Amino acid sequence: NVAIDVARILCRTRDELAKTDIAD
């Protein structure tokens, strides 16, 4: 699960990430 999380975050767009609580 951690590996696929890392891969997915690397592939996400800014718009997708901006809807989350990812560190600014």
PDB file of all heavy atoms in Angstrom:
ATOM      1  N   ASN A   1       0.816  -1.219   0.000  1.00  0.00           N
ATOM      2  CA  ASN A   1       0.000   0.000   0.000  1.00  0.00           C
ATOM      3  C   ASN A   1       0.847   1.265   0.000  1.00  0.00           C
ATOM      4  O   ASN A   1       0.502   2.256  -0.648  1.00  0.00           O
ATOM      5  CB  ASN A   1      -0.938   0.004   1.209  1.00  0.00           C
ATOM      6  CG  ASN A   1      -2.075  -0.998   1.045  1.00  0.00           C
ATOM      7  OD1 ASN A   1      -2.376  -1.426  -0.062  1.00  0.00           O
ATOM      8  ND2 ASN A   1      -2.694  -1.378   2.151  1.00  0.00           N
ATOM      9  N   VAL A   2       1.963   1.253   0.728  1.00  0.00           N
ATOM     10  CA  VAL A   2       2.824   2.437   0.764  1.00  0.00           C
ATOM     11  C   VAL A   2       3.449   2.678  -0.607  1.00  0.00           C
ATOM     12  O   VAL A   2       3.501   3.816  -1.085  1.00  0.00           O
ATOM     13  CB  VAL A   2       3.910   2.292   1.847  1.00  0.00           C
ATOM     14  CG1 VAL A   2       4.931   3.428   1.747  1.00  0.00           C
ATOM     15  CG2 VAL A   2       3.284   2.279   3.236  1.00  0.00           C
ATOM     16  N   ALA A   3       3.899   1.614  -1.250  1.00  0.00           N
ATOM     17  CA  ALA A   3       4.520   1.752  -2.565  1.00  0.00           C
ATOM     18  C   ALA A   3       3.548   2.341  -3.576  1.00  0.00           C
ATOM     19  O   ALA A   3       3.887   3.267  -4.328  1.00  0.00           O
ATOM     20  CB  ALA A   3       5.026   0.392  -3.043  1.00  0.00           C
ATOM     21  N   ILE A   4       2.328   1.839  -3.602  1.00  0.00           N
ATOM     22  CA  ILE A   4       1.365   2.348  -4.580  1.00  0.00           C
ATOM     23  C   ILE A   4       0.923   3.767  -4.218  1.00  0.00           C
ATOM     24  O   ILE A   4       0.602   4.570  -5.103  1.00  0.00           O
ATOM     25  CB  ILE A   4       0.163   1.388  -4.740  1.00  0.00           C
ATOM     26  CG1 ILE A   4      -0.521   1.629  -6.102  1.00  0.00           C
ATOM     27  CG2 ILE A   4      -0.807   1.486  -3.587  1.00  0.00           C
ATOM     28  CD1 ILE A   4      -1.525   0.565  -6.486  1.00  0.00           C
ATOM     29  N   ASP A   5       0.950   4.096  -2.912  1.00  0.00           N
ATOM     30  CA  ASP A   5       0.678   5.484  -2.507  1.00  0.00           C
ATOM     31  C   ASP A   5       1.721   6.422  -3.101  1.00  0.00           C
ATOM     32  O   ASP A   5       1.389   7.475  -3.655  1.00  0.00           O
ATOM     33  CB  ASP A   5       0.719   5.615  -0.974  1.00  0.00           C
ATOM     34  CG  ASP A   5      -0.532   5.072  -0.289  1.00  0.00           C
ATOM     35  OD1 ASP A   5      -1.523   4.786  -0.991  1.00  0.00           O
ATOM     36  OD2 ASP A   5      -0.504   4.934   0.946  1.00  0.00           O
ATOM     37  N   VAL A   6       2.992   6.054  -2.965  1.00  0.00           N
ATOM     38  CA  VAL A   6       4.086   6.887  -3.481  1.00  0.00           C
ATOM     39  C   VAL A   6       3.945   7.061  -4.991  1.00  0.00           C
ATOM     40  O   VAL A   6       4.054   8.179  -5.529  1.00  0.00           O
ATOM     41  CB  VAL A   6       5.451   6.279  -3.122  1.00  0.00           C
ATOM     42  CG1 VAL A   6       6.577   6.976  -3.876  1.00  0.00           C
ATOM     43  CG2 VAL A   6       5.689   6.359  -1.619  1.00  0.00           C
ATOM     44  N   ALA A   7       3.686   5.954  -5.694  1.00  0.00           N
ATOM     45  CA  ALA A   7       3.540   6.025  -7.148  1.00  0.00           C
ATOM     46  C   ALA A   7       2.374   6.924  -7.535  1.00  0.00           C
ATOM     47  O   ALA A   7       2.473   7.724  -8.475  1.00  0.00           O
ATOM     48  CB  ALA A   7       3.340   4.617  -7.710  1.00  0.00           C
ATOM     49  N   ARG A   8       1.282   6.799  -6.817  1.00  0.00           N
ATOM     50  CA  ARG A   8       0.085   7.589  -7.140  1.00  0.00           C
ATOM     51  C   ARG A   8       0.311   9.076  -6.882  1.00  0.00           C
ATOM     52  O   ARG A   8      -0.070   9.925  -7.707  1.00  0.00           O
ATOM     53  CB  ARG A   8      -1.098   7.080  -6.315  1.00  0.00           C
ATOM     54  CG  ARG A   8      -2.452   7.595  -6.761  1.00  0.00           C
ATOM     55  CD  ARG A   8      -3.572   7.061  -5.896  1.00  0.00           C
ATOM     56  NE  ARG A   8      -3.458   7.480  -4.512  1.00  0.00           N
ATOM     57  CZ  ARG A   8      -3.082   6.690  -3.510  1.00  0.00           C
ATOM     58  NH1 ARG A   8      -2.775   5.424  -3.733  1.00  0.00           N
ATOM     59  NH2 ARG A   8      -2.995   7.155  -2.267  1.00  0.00           N
ATOM     60  N   ILE A   9       0.935   9.410  -5.767  1.00  0.00           N
ATOM     61  CA  ILE A   9       1.202  10.821  -5.449  1.00  0.00           C
ATOM     62  C   ILE A   9       2.113  11.436  -6.506  1.00  0.00           C
ATOM     63  O   ILE A   9       1.928  12.590  -6.918  1.00  0.00           O
ATOM     64  CB  ILE A   9       1.817  10.962  -4.046  1.00  0.00           C
ATOM     65  CG1 ILE A   9       0.804  10.554  -2.970  1.00  0.00           C
ATOM     66  CG2 ILE A   9       2.299  12.395  -3.805  1.00  0.00           C
ATOM     67  CD1 ILE A   9      -0.466  11.385  -2.929  1.00  0.00           C
ATOM     68  N   LEU A  10       3.084  10.676  -6.991  1.00  0.00           N
ATOM     69  CA  LEU A  10       3.981  11.176  -8.045  1.00  0.00           C
ATOM     70  C   LEU A  10       3.230  11.427  -9.346  1.00  0.00           C
ATOM     71  O   LEU A  10       3.661  12.239 -10.169  1.00  0.00           O
ATOM     72  CB  LEU A  10       5.106  10.168  -8.295  1.00  0.00           C
ATOM     73  CG  LEU A  10       6.195  10.087  -7.228  1.00  0.00           C
ATOM     74  CD1 LEU A  10       7.080   8.869  -7.456  1.00  0.00           C
ATOM     75  CD2 LEU A  10       7.044  11.357  -7.202  1.00  0.00           C
ATOM     76  N   CYS A  11       2.109  10.739  -9.542  1.00  0.00           N
ATOM     77  CA  CYS A  11       1.346  10.863 -10.791  1.00  0.00           C
ATOM     78  C   CYS A  11       0.185  11.854 -10.694  1.00  0.00           C
ATOM     79  O   CYS A  11      -0.441  12.179 -11.716  1.00  0.00           O
ATOM     80  CB  CYS A  11       0.799   9.500 -11.197  1.00  0.00           C
ATOM     81  SG  CYS A  11       2.057   8.322 -11.744  1.00  0.00           S
ATOM     82  N   ARG A  12      -0.139  12.321  -9.525  1.00  0.00           N
ATOM     83  CA  ARG A  12      -1.275  13.210  -9.346  1.00  0.00           C
ATOM     84  C   ARG A  12      -1.001  14.609  -9.915  1.00  0.00           C
ATOM     85  O   ARG A  12       0.139  15.076  -9.941  1.00  0.00           O
ATOM     86  CB  ARG A  12      -1.616  13.363  -7.855  1.00  0.00           C
ATOM     87  CG  ARG A  12      -2.229  12.128  -7.197  1.00  0.00           C
ATOM     88  CD  ARG A  12      -3.629  11.894  -7.659  1.00  0.00           C
ATOM     89  NE  ARG A  12      -4.356  10.973  -6.783  1.00  0.00           N
ATOM     90  CZ  ARG A  12      -5.492  10.379  -7.112  1.00  0.00           C
ATOM     91  NH1 ARG A  12      -6.036  10.601  -8.297  1.00  0.00           N
ATOM     92  NH2 ARG A  12      -6.091   9.562  -6.273  1.00  0.00           N
ATOM     93  N   THR A  13      -2.068  15.297 -10.309  1.00  0.00           N
ATOM     94  CA  THR A  13      -1.971  16.689 -10.746  1.00  0.00           C
ATOM     95  C   THR A  13      -2.044  17.610  -9.543  1.00  0.00           C
ATOM     96  O   THR A  13      -2.461  17.203  -8.444  1.00  0.00           O
ATOM     97  CB  THR A  13      -3.112  17.047 -11.705  1.00  0.00           C
ATOM     98  OG1 THR A  13      -4.356  16.957 -10.977  1.00  0.00           O
ATOM     99  CG2 THR A  13      -3.157  16.101 -12.901  1.00  0.00           C
ATOM    100  N   ARG A  14      -1.706  18.861  -9.766  1.00  0.00           N
ATOM    101  CA  ARG A  14      -1.835  19.847  -8.684  1.00  0.00           C
ATOM    102  C   ARG A  14      -3.280  19.943  -8.216  1.00  0.00           C
ATOM    103  O   ARG A  14      -3.552  20.011  -7.015  1.00  0.00           O
ATOM    104  CB  ARG A  14      -1.343  21.218  -9.142  1.00  0.00           C
ATOM    105  CG  ARG A  14      -1.463  22.262  -8.034  1.00  0.00           C
ATOM    106  CD  ARG A  14      -1.179  23.685  -8.478  1.00  0.00           C
ATOM    107  NE  ARG A  14      -1.464  24.600  -7.375  1.00  0.00           N
ATOM    108  CZ  ARG A  14      -0.582  24.987  -6.466  1.00  0.00           C
ATOM    109  NH1 ARG A  14       0.651  24.535  -6.519  1.00  0.00           N
ATOM    110  NH2 ARG A  14      -0.924  25.821  -5.507  1.00  0.00           N
ATOM    111  N   ASP A  15      -4.226  19.957  -9.154  1.00  0.00           N
ATOM    112  CA  ASP A  15      -5.638  20.073  -8.782  1.00  0.00           C
ATOM    113  C   ASP A  15      -6.080  18.914  -7.897  1.00  0.00           C
ATOM    114  O   ASP A  15      -6.848  19.115  -6.948  1.00  0.00           O
ATOM    115  CB  ASP A  15      -6.512  20.135 -10.032  1.00  0.00           C
ATOM    116  CG  ASP A  15      -6.403  21.469 -10.754  1.00  0.00           C
ATOM    117  OD1 ASP A  15      -5.863  22.423 -10.159  1.00  0.00           O
ATOM    118  OD2 ASP A  15      -6.852  21.549 -11.917  1.00  0.00           O
ATOM    119  N   GLU A  16      -5.601  17.724  -8.212  1.00  0.00           N
ATOM    120  CA  GLU A  16      -5.965  16.567  -7.381  1.00  0.00           C
ATOM    121  C   GLU A  16      -5.372  16.688  -5.984  1.00  0.00           C
ATOM    122  O   GLU A  16      -6.036  16.424  -4.986  1.00  0.00           O
ATOM    123  CB  GLU A  16      -5.477  15.276  -8.053  1.00  0.00           C
ATOM    124  CG  GLU A  16      -6.268  14.870  -9.281  1.00  0.00           C
ATOM    125  CD  GLU A  16      -5.642  13.692 -10.006  1.00  0.00           C
ATOM    126  OE1 GLU A  16      -4.464  13.801 -10.421  1.00  0.00           O
ATOM    127  OE2 GLU A  16      -6.335  12.673 -10.157  1.00  0.00           O
ATOM    128  N   LEU A  17      -4.104  17.102  -5.901  1.00  0.00           N
ATOM    129  CA  LEU A  17      -3.420  17.209  -4.614  1.00  0.00           C
ATOM    130  C   LEU A  17      -3.924  18.387  -3.787  1.00  0.00           C
ATOM    131  O   LEU A  17      -3.924  18.341  -2.552  1.00  0.00           O
ATOM    132  CB  LEU A  17      -1.912  17.322  -4.826  1.00  0.00           C
ATOM    133  CG  LEU A  17      -1.221  16.088  -5.423  1.00  0.00           C
ATOM    134  CD1 LEU A  17       0.242  16.392  -5.723  1.00  0.00           C
ATOM    135  CD2 LEU A  17      -1.333  14.899  -4.481  1.00  0.00           C
ATOM    136  N   ALA A  18      -4.343  19.455  -4.463  1.00  0.00           N
ATOM    137  CA  ALA A  18      -4.780  20.665  -3.760  1.00  0.00           C
ATOM    138  C   ALA A  18      -6.075  20.455  -2.984  1.00  0.00           C
ATOM    139  O   ALA A  18      -6.444  21.291  -2.160  1.00  0.00           O
ATOM    140  CB  ALA A  18      -4.945  21.817  -4.744  1.00  0.00           C
ATOM    141  N   LYS A  19      -6.756  19.356  -3.223  1.00  0.00           N
ATOM    142  CA  LYS A  19      -7.986  19.043  -2.492  1.00  0.00           C
ATOM    143  C   LYS A  19      -7.698  18.262  -1.215  1.00  0.00           C
ATOM    144  O   LYS A  19      -8.624  17.890  -0.501  1.00  0.00           O
ATOM    145  CB  LYS A  19      -8.926  18.214  -3.381  1.00  0.00           C
ATOM    146  CG  LYS A  19      -9.359  18.919  -4.667  1.00  0.00           C
ATOM    147  CD  LYS A  19     -10.130  17.962  -5.561  1.00  0.00           C
ATOM    148  CE  LYS A  19     -10.486  18.623  -6.890  1.00  0.00           C
ATOM    149  NZ  LYS A  19     -11.135  17.653  -7.830  1.00  0.00           N
ATOM    150  N   THR A  20      -6.430  18.000  -0.940  1.00  0.00           N
ATOM    151  CA  THR A  20      -6.036  17.152   0.183  1.00  0.00           C
ATOM    152  C   THR A  20      -5.321  17.959   1.263  1.00  0.00           C
ATOM    153  O   THR A  20      -5.106  19.169   1.126  1.00  0.00           O
ATOM    154  CB  THR A  20      -5.090  16.036  -0.298  1.00  0.00           C
ATOM    155  OG1 THR A  20      -3.783  16.594  -0.541  1.00  0.00           O
ATOM    156  CG2 THR A  20      -5.602  15.383  -1.583  1.00  0.00           C
ATOM    157  N   ASP A  21      -4.900  17.262   2.315  1.00  0.00           N
ATOM    158  CA  ASP A  21      -4.144  17.921   3.386  1.00  0.00           C
ATOM    159  C   ASP A  21      -2.640  17.701   3.228  1.00  0.00           C
ATOM    160  O   ASP A  21      -1.890  17.776   4.200  1.00  0.00           O
ATOM    161  CB  ASP A  21      -4.608  17.436   4.764  1.00  0.00           C
ATOM    162  CG  ASP A  21      -4.271  15.970   5.020  1.00  0.00           C
ATOM    163  OD1 ASP A  21      -3.811  15.276   4.086  1.00  0.00           O
ATOM    164  OD2 ASP A  21      -4.473  15.505   6.161  1.00  0.00           O
ATOM    165  N   ILE A  22      -2.190  17.445   1.998  1.00  0.00           N
ATOM    166  CA  ILE A  22      -0.759  17.305   1.750  1.00  0.00           C
ATOM    167  C   ILE A  22      -0.031  18.560   2.242  1.00  0.00           C
ATOM    168  O   ILE A  22      -0.582  19.666   2.222  1.00  0.00           O
ATOM    169  CB  ILE A  22      -0.496  17.076   0.235  1.00  0.00           C
ATOM    170  CG1 ILE A  22       0.954  16.638  -0.011  1.00  0.00           C
ATOM    171  CG2 ILE A  22      -0.824  18.315  -0.588  1.00  0.00           C
ATOM    172  CD1 ILE A  22       1.204  16.136  -1.417  1.00  0.00           C
ATOM    173  N   ALA A  23       1.197  18.386   2.727  1.00  0.00           N
ATOM    174  CA  ALA A  23       1.965  19.530   3.216  1.00  0.00           C
ATOM    175  C   ALA A  23       2.075  20.597   2.131  1.00  0.00           C
ATOM    176  O   ALA A  23       2.257  20.277   0.957  1.00  0.00           O
ATOM    177  CB  ALA A  23       3.359  19.067   3.645  1.00  0.00           C
ATOM    178  N   ASP A  24       1.941  21.855   2.521  1.00  0.00           N
ATOM    179  CA  ASP A  24       1.910  22.934   1.531  1.00  0.00           C
ATOM    180  C   ASP A  24       3.189  22.997   0.703  1.00  0.00           C
ATOM    181  O   ASP A  24       3.151  23.221  -0.510  1.00  0.00           O
ATOM    182  CB  ASP A  24       1.609  24.284   2.192  1.00  0.00           C
ATOM    183  CG  ASP A  24       2.485  24.574   3.395  1.00  0.00           C
ATOM    184  OD1 ASP A  24       3.355  23.745   3.731  1.00  0.00           O
ATOM    185  OD2 ASP A  24       2.295  25.648   4.013  1.00  0.00           O
TER     186      ASP A  24
END
